[in-house]
């Protein structure tokens, strides 16, 4: 039996200092992404890049974590969770410093997307494992609830912190501060209980197959707006058999992941230790929890990607105004994450998650209605509050559900799985919704331009240029480009008007796609525990 809701494990009391340090590390990891999202306009300008370029950096950051999280969990088993935690923190701090000093997008990709990402793949599974070995019984359930609440709180106040720091100083200061926090956490490393490593051979071929498979598939989705899904667009660099590279990248990724699963089965059949024990995915509660967690991260990251584009690119807000406008979502997420944590052990996780998903779904639908050329602040704020409440409730429950499905000695392994689900959801959210947003923008703009009589003489050229240079820019940038191209004042005004309309339509389509994903997430909720979850007994789990 994977989840024991009737018999509580023998409980030993432990101090809360350990969870405080682990929660601080978790706070920094989650803060990173929401800070980057809310500072999109300033970073694009500072590094002389584009929204698509920054979308790539955000996606690669979460993709690196998704692709290598299983390896990070295994290294935690091999080295011991505390050692993996310490090494990961040092790597993460080095990446934060590199990001703070980055002069261009390439260095940002190296520092943030890769170095920080590789540090996080060691830290995140270690946090889950160290929590499992430090706490037991109801105390462990509460500890996981605290971690979920802290994740929600970090996601909630990230936009406000990022907005205030970026508006008053520079976005670079956030990453420099992260380096200082990492060094501070290292000073208290001795307070974390030592965890012995165990002799284990890392499945390197399996690691390659899993990382390459996830990487190819998500990278394909990321490039779909520029290259096309199946039929190639003009910007596609090559067209094997006349099809878009995206099609082949996704197919290649799926094939590699299938080969990974087959290899893990052979490794287990030979009596060796696989990178991923596939039997864990046969535990219904764990499978449902991981899938719902992926959905949660998809929704939160895609929402935090689309919102700043609307507020900054369409409405012209700076990063601080953006953070303040998103405050209803932030406060609601924070309150309901902590409130949901307090309900752990008292109320059905299934019911809490159901309520959360309903709140998110209603909120995303309302965002469709309240997104327009001018901000209707009251309705928009209410929609954001509902989205935040739903996200907070999910964040408070899913970590405990997943980690309580197995005994504590499998904490690193399930922590790696959980990190993979989180970051795969985040990668897919940013890549897929970003792709849908750009594709809708270009498609609607082309349709509007081709149908406008005032642009009849230049419509084909404009439509072709829009496909090649697909990007989400301000109407002033469109006006400047039209004027530099020598178009008349009437034609320039017409192009700007059509682009502005296409922007709003694209944003509505993006929110609709997020709402659809929230609806699809209900497919797995019925498999979540119907009773309060306590940690699994140490017997009977694969």
Foldseek 3Di string as FASTA:
>chain_A
DLFDQDDFDDWDDFDCPLLVLLLLVLLLLLLVLLLCQLQVVVQCVQQVHALLLSLVLSLLQLLLLLLCLLVLLQVCQAAPLLVLQLVLLVQLLQLLLQCLPDRHSVSVSCSRNPSNSVSVSNNQLSSQLLLQVRTGWVVSLLSLLVSLLSSLLSSLCSLQVSLVCCVVPNSSVSSNVSSVSSVVSSVCSVVRDTGHHDDADAPVLLSVLSSQLSVLLLVLLLCCLQANQFQGAPQQPDAVVRTTVSVVSNVSSVVSVVVSVVVQVVCVVVVHHYSADCVLCVLLQLVLLLLLLLLLLLLSLLVSNLQSLLCCQQVNDGSNVSSVLLNLLSVLLSVLSNVLSVCFQPAALLVLLVQLLVLLLVLLLQCLVQRDSDGPRPSNSSSSNSNSNSSSSSSSPSSSSNQLSARSVCSSSSSSSSSSSNSSSNSCNSSNLVSLLLNQLLVQLLVQLCPDPVNVVCSVVVSSVCSNPGGSHHLVVQLVVCVVVVDDPVNSVSSSVSSSVSNSVSSSVSSVVSSVSSVVSVVSSVSHGRHRTGHDDNPDRD
